[in-house]
Structure formats: C-alpha cells, structure tokens
Amino acid sequence: MRNSRSLTQESLAERSDLSVDAIRRIERGAFSPSLDTLGKLSVGLDVSLKTLFHSFDLERADGVAEICDFLACRSGSELKLAWRVLQAMFDER
C-alpha cells in the first residue's frame, strides 16, 4: 500500500508519527505492530483500519474501500459532485 501511494519508508514514518525503523520492521514482518501502531499507519496511509486490514487479508488494495475512505471525509456538496461525476463517466447512453 505504501508503494502504491508512492511513499518512501521515511515519508510514511513521518506521516504516521513512527520511526523509519518501525516501518522497516513491519514491512519485513520482523514484529507484530500494536493496535496503536496500526492506527498510526492507517493515518499515514490515509485509509481506515478496516481498509488496512482488508488489504492485508486480500494481499492487495481494495479499490472500493479506498474510494469509500476518501469520500467519508467529504462534505455533502462534495459527495453530490462526486456522484454526478461518476454518473457522467459511466453513463451508457
């Protein structure tokens, strides 16, 4: 997920308020992160914990869940605009 967002280990560490060493150890599977650490990772990756766990479970990023995470923090008017854009993109007229 870090790579798909074009983040370095250093930038993810900074965004997550974790050490670079912690990011490296997590990626290598050298230790099991605590729930607090997973929460920080989800903030750094800008996804919900649900999406973070789901992507680990499937061993791939779930695009629908990521879109939902992105839209979850948007205002009502932004959601309406996004919906209109999606409808226009996939209108089969």
N, C-alpha and C. Protein backbone atom coordinates (compact mmCIF):
# COMPACT_ATOMS: atom_id res chain seq x y z
N MET A 1 0.83 -1.17 0.00
CA MET A 1 0.00 0.00 0.00
C MET A 1 0.88 1.25 0.00
N ARG A 2 1.99 1.21 0.73
CA ARG A 2 2.92 2.34 0.76
C ARG A 2 3.43 2.61 -0.65
N ASN A 3 3.85 1.58 -1.32
CA ASN A 3 4.39 1.74 -2.67
C ASN A 3 3.34 2.24 -3.64
N SER A 4 2.12 1.77 -3.53
CA SER A 4 1.06 2.21 -4.45
C SER A 4 0.75 3.69 -4.27
N ARG A 5 1.10 4.24 -3.12
CA ARG A 5 0.90 5.67 -2.87
C ARG A 5 2.18 6.47 -3.12
N SER A 6 3.19 5.81 -3.66
CA SER A 6 4.49 6.44 -3.97
C SER A 6 5.10 7.10 -2.74
N LEU A 7 4.98 6.41 -1.60
CA LEU A 7 5.58 6.91 -0.36
C LEU A 7 6.87 6.15 -0.07
N THR A 8 7.88 6.88 0.37
CA THR A 8 9.08 6.21 0.86
C THR A 8 8.82 5.75 2.28
N GLN A 9 9.67 4.90 2.79
CA GLN A 9 9.55 4.49 4.19
C GLN A 9 9.68 5.70 5.09
N GLU A 10 10.55 6.62 4.72
CA GLU A 10 10.77 7.82 5.52
C GLU A 10 9.52 8.71 5.55
N SER A 11 8.89 8.90 4.39
CA SER A 11 7.71 9.77 4.36
C SER A 11 6.54 9.12 5.08
N LEU A 12 6.39 7.80 4.97
CA LEU A 12 5.32 7.12 5.71
C LEU A 12 5.57 7.22 7.21
N ALA A 13 6.82 7.07 7.61
CA ALA A 13 7.16 7.18 9.03
C ALA A 13 6.78 8.56 9.56
N GLU A 14 7.10 9.58 8.79
CA GLU A 14 6.78 10.94 9.21
C GLU A 14 5.28 11.16 9.28
N ARG A 15 4.56 10.71 8.26
CA ARG A 15 3.10 10.89 8.22
C ARG A 15 2.40 10.09 9.32
N SER A 16 3.03 8.98 9.74
CA SER A 16 2.43 8.08 10.72
C SER A 16 2.89 8.35 12.14
N ASP A 17 3.85 9.25 12.31
CA ASP A 17 4.45 9.51 13.61
C ASP A 17 5.10 8.24 14.18
N LEU A 18 5.78 7.51 13.30
CA LEU A 18 6.51 6.30 13.68
C LEU A 18 7.96 6.46 13.22
N SER A 19 8.83 5.61 13.73
CA SER A 19 10.22 5.66 13.29
C SER A 19 10.36 4.92 11.96
N VAL A 20 11.37 5.29 11.20
CA VAL A 20 11.65 4.59 9.95
C VAL A 20 11.96 3.13 10.24
N ASP A 21 12.67 2.88 11.35
CA ASP A 21 12.98 1.51 11.73
C ASP A 21 11.71 0.70 11.97
N ALA A 22 10.71 1.31 12.58
CA ALA A 22 9.44 0.60 12.81
C ALA A 22 8.79 0.24 11.49
N ILE A 23 8.79 1.16 10.54
CA ILE A 23 8.21 0.88 9.21
C ILE A 23 8.96 -0.27 8.55
N ARG A 24 10.26 -0.24 8.61
CA ARG A 24 11.08 -1.31 8.00
C ARG A 24 10.78 -2.67 8.64
N ARG A 25 10.69 -2.69 9.97
CA ARG A 25 10.43 -3.96 10.65
C ARG A 25 9.03 -4.48 10.35
N ILE A 26 8.07 -3.60 10.25
CA ILE A 26 6.70 -4.02 9.90
C ILE A 26 6.69 -4.61 8.50
N GLU A 27 7.33 -3.94 7.56
CA GLU A 27 7.34 -4.43 6.18
C GLU A 27 8.07 -5.75 6.02
N ARG A 28 9.10 -5.96 6.83
CA ARG A 28 9.83 -7.23 6.79
C ARG A 28 9.12 -8.34 7.55
N GLY A 29 8.11 -7.97 8.32
CA GLY A 29 7.42 -8.95 9.16
C GLY A 29 8.23 -9.31 10.39
N ALA A 30 9.13 -8.41 10.79
CA ALA A 30 10.02 -8.68 11.91
C ALA A 30 9.34 -8.51 13.26
N PHE A 31 8.20 -7.82 13.29
CA PHE A 31 7.45 -7.73 14.54
C PHE A 31 5.99 -7.45 14.24
N SER A 32 5.15 -7.78 15.17
CA SER A 32 3.72 -7.55 15.02
C SER A 32 3.37 -6.20 15.64
N PRO A 33 2.85 -5.28 14.85
CA PRO A 33 2.53 -3.96 15.39
C PRO A 33 1.33 -4.00 16.33
N SER A 34 1.34 -3.10 17.30
CA SER A 34 0.22 -2.98 18.23
C SER A 34 -0.95 -2.31 17.51
N LEU A 35 -2.10 -2.32 18.13
CA LEU A 35 -3.27 -1.65 17.56
C LEU A 35 -2.99 -0.15 17.42
N ASP A 36 -2.30 0.42 18.39
CA ASP A 36 -1.94 1.84 18.33
C ASP A 36 -1.06 2.12 17.10
N THR A 37 -0.08 1.26 16.86
CA THR A 37 0.80 1.41 15.71
C THR A 37 0.02 1.25 14.41
N LEU A 38 -0.90 0.30 14.36
CA LEU A 38 -1.73 0.12 13.17
C LEU A 38 -2.59 1.35 12.92
N GLY A 39 -3.08 1.95 14.00
CA GLY A 39 -3.85 3.18 13.87
C GLY A 39 -3.02 4.30 13.27
N LYS A 40 -1.78 4.40 13.71
CA LYS A 40 -0.88 5.42 13.17
C LYS A 40 -0.58 5.15 11.69
N LEU A 41 -0.40 3.88 11.35
CA LEU A 41 -0.16 3.52 9.95
C LEU A 41 -1.36 3.89 9.08
N SER A 42 -2.56 3.62 9.58
CA SER A 42 -3.75 3.95 8.79
C SER A 42 -3.85 5.45 8.56
N VAL A 43 -3.45 6.25 9.56
CA VAL A 43 -3.43 7.71 9.38
C VAL A 43 -2.39 8.08 8.32
N GLY A 44 -1.22 7.50 8.42
CA GLY A 44 -0.16 7.80 7.47
C GLY A 44 -0.48 7.39 6.04
N LEU A 45 -1.25 6.31 5.91
CA LEU A 45 -1.64 5.84 4.58
C LEU A 45 -2.95 6.45 4.12
N ASP A 46 -3.62 7.17 5.02
CA ASP A 46 -4.89 7.83 4.74
C ASP A 46 -5.98 6.83 4.36
N VAL A 47 -6.06 5.76 5.15
CA VAL A 47 -7.12 4.76 4.99
C VAL A 47 -7.67 4.42 6.37
N SER A 48 -8.83 3.80 6.39
CA SER A 48 -9.39 3.36 7.67
C SER A 48 -8.69 2.08 8.10
N LEU A 49 -8.81 1.75 9.38
CA LEU A 49 -8.26 0.47 9.86
C LEU A 49 -8.90 -0.69 9.12
N LYS A 50 -10.19 -0.58 8.85
CA LYS A 50 -10.90 -1.64 8.12
C LYS A 50 -10.24 -1.89 6.77
N THR A 51 -9.96 -0.81 6.04
CA THR A 51 -9.32 -0.95 4.73
C THR A 51 -7.92 -1.51 4.88
N LEU A 52 -7.20 -1.06 5.89
CA LEU A 52 -5.84 -1.56 6.12
C LEU A 52 -5.85 -3.06 6.37
N PHE A 53 -6.75 -3.54 7.24
CA PHE A 53 -6.83 -4.96 7.50
C PHE A 53 -7.35 -5.73 6.29
N HIS A 54 -8.30 -5.14 5.60
CA HIS A 54 -8.87 -5.81 4.43
C HIS A 54 -7.80 -6.02 3.37
N SER A 55 -6.95 -5.01 3.17
CA SER A 55 -5.91 -5.13 2.16
C SER A 55 -4.87 -6.18 2.56
N PHE A 56 -4.59 -6.31 3.87
CA PHE A 56 -3.69 -7.37 4.32
C PHE A 56 -4.31 -8.72 4.06
N ASP A 57 -5.60 -8.82 4.32
CA ASP A 57 -6.30 -10.09 4.15
C ASP A 57 -6.31 -10.53 2.70
N LEU A 58 -6.52 -9.61 1.78
CA LEU A 58 -6.59 -9.94 0.37
C LEU A 58 -5.24 -9.89 -0.33
N GLU A 59 -4.24 -9.38 0.37
CA GLU A 59 -2.90 -9.18 -0.18
C GLU A 59 -2.94 -8.27 -1.40
N ARG A 60 -3.92 -7.36 -1.43
CA ARG A 60 -3.99 -6.34 -2.46
C ARG A 60 -4.86 -5.21 -1.93
N ALA A 61 -4.69 -4.05 -2.48
CA ALA A 61 -5.51 -2.92 -2.04
C ALA A 61 -6.92 -3.09 -2.61
N ASP A 62 -7.92 -2.84 -1.81
CA ASP A 62 -9.29 -2.91 -2.25
C ASP A 62 -9.72 -1.51 -2.68
N GLY A 63 -9.82 -1.32 -3.97
CA GLY A 63 -10.12 0.00 -4.51
C GLY A 63 -11.43 0.59 -4.02
N VAL A 64 -12.44 -0.23 -3.90
CA VAL A 64 -13.74 0.27 -3.45
C VAL A 64 -13.64 0.80 -2.02
N ALA A 65 -12.98 0.07 -1.15
CA ALA A 65 -12.83 0.52 0.23
C ALA A 65 -12.01 1.80 0.30
N GLU A 66 -11.00 1.92 -0.54
CA GLU A 66 -10.19 3.13 -0.54
C GLU A 66 -11.00 4.32 -1.03
N ILE A 67 -11.86 4.11 -2.03
CA ILE A 67 -12.72 5.20 -2.50
C ILE A 67 -13.67 5.61 -1.39
N CYS A 68 -14.24 4.64 -0.69
CA CYS A 68 -15.14 4.95 0.42
C CYS A 68 -14.42 5.74 1.52
N ASP A 69 -13.20 5.35 1.84
CA ASP A 69 -12.41 6.09 2.83
C ASP A 69 -12.19 7.53 2.37
N PHE A 70 -11.88 7.70 1.09
CA PHE A 70 -11.64 9.03 0.55
C PHE A 70 -12.90 9.89 0.64
N LEU A 71 -14.04 9.30 0.31
CA LEU A 71 -15.29 10.05 0.31
C LEU A 71 -15.85 10.28 1.72
N ALA A 72 -15.45 9.48 2.67
CA ALA A 72 -16.01 9.55 4.02
C ALA A 72 -15.77 10.90 4.69
N CYS A 73 -14.70 11.57 4.33
CA CYS A 73 -14.38 12.85 4.99
C CYS A 73 -14.80 14.05 4.14
N ARG A 74 -15.60 13.83 3.13
CA ARG A 74 -16.05 14.91 2.25
C ARG A 74 -17.38 15.49 2.70
N SER A 75 -17.61 16.72 2.34
CA SER A 75 -18.87 17.39 2.68
C SER A 75 -20.00 16.87 1.80
N GLY A 76 -21.22 17.20 2.18
CA GLY A 76 -22.37 16.78 1.41
C GLY A 76 -22.33 17.28 -0.02
N SER A 77 -21.93 18.54 -0.21
CA SER A 77 -21.87 19.08 -1.57
C SER A 77 -20.77 18.40 -2.39
N GLU A 78 -19.66 18.06 -1.74
CA GLU A 78 -18.59 17.35 -2.45
C GLU A 78 -19.04 15.95 -2.85
N LEU A 79 -19.81 15.30 -1.98
CA LEU A 79 -20.33 13.96 -2.30
C LEU A 79 -21.28 14.02 -3.49
N LYS A 80 -22.15 15.03 -3.51
CA LYS A 80 -23.07 15.18 -4.64
C LYS A 80 -22.31 15.39 -5.94
N LEU A 81 -21.27 16.22 -5.89
CA LEU A 81 -20.45 16.47 -7.07
C LEU A 81 -19.76 15.18 -7.53
N ALA A 82 -19.19 14.45 -6.59
CA ALA A 82 -18.52 13.18 -6.93
C ALA A 82 -19.50 12.21 -7.56
N TRP A 83 -20.70 12.15 -7.02
CA TRP A 83 -21.72 11.25 -7.56
C TRP A 83 -22.08 11.64 -8.99
N ARG A 84 -22.24 12.95 -9.25
CA ARG A 84 -22.56 13.41 -10.60
C ARG A 84 -21.43 13.08 -11.57
N VAL A 85 -20.19 13.26 -11.13
CA VAL A 85 -19.04 12.95 -11.98
C VAL A 85 -19.02 11.46 -12.30
N LEU A 86 -19.23 10.61 -11.30
CA LEU A 86 -19.24 9.17 -11.54
C LEU A 86 -20.35 8.77 -12.50
N GLN A 87 -21.53 9.34 -12.29
CA GLN A 87 -22.64 9.02 -13.19
C GLN A 87 -22.31 9.44 -14.61
N ALA A 88 -21.72 10.62 -14.79
CA ALA A 88 -21.37 11.09 -16.13
C ALA A 88 -20.30 10.21 -16.78
N MET A 89 -19.36 9.76 -15.97
CA MET A 89 -18.29 8.92 -16.50
C MET A 89 -18.80 7.58 -17.01
N PHE A 90 -19.82 7.05 -16.34
CA PHE A 90 -20.26 5.70 -16.67
C PHE A 90 -21.65 5.65 -17.29
N ASP A 91 -22.15 6.80 -17.70
CA ASP A 91 -23.44 6.84 -18.35
C ASP A 91 -23.35 6.10 -19.67
N GLU A 92 -24.25 5.17 -19.89
CA GLU A 92 -24.19 4.31 -21.09
C GLU A 92 -25.19 4.73 -22.16
N ARG A 93 -25.48 5.98 -22.25
CA ARG A 93 -26.43 6.45 -23.27
C ARG A 93 -25.87 6.31 -24.64
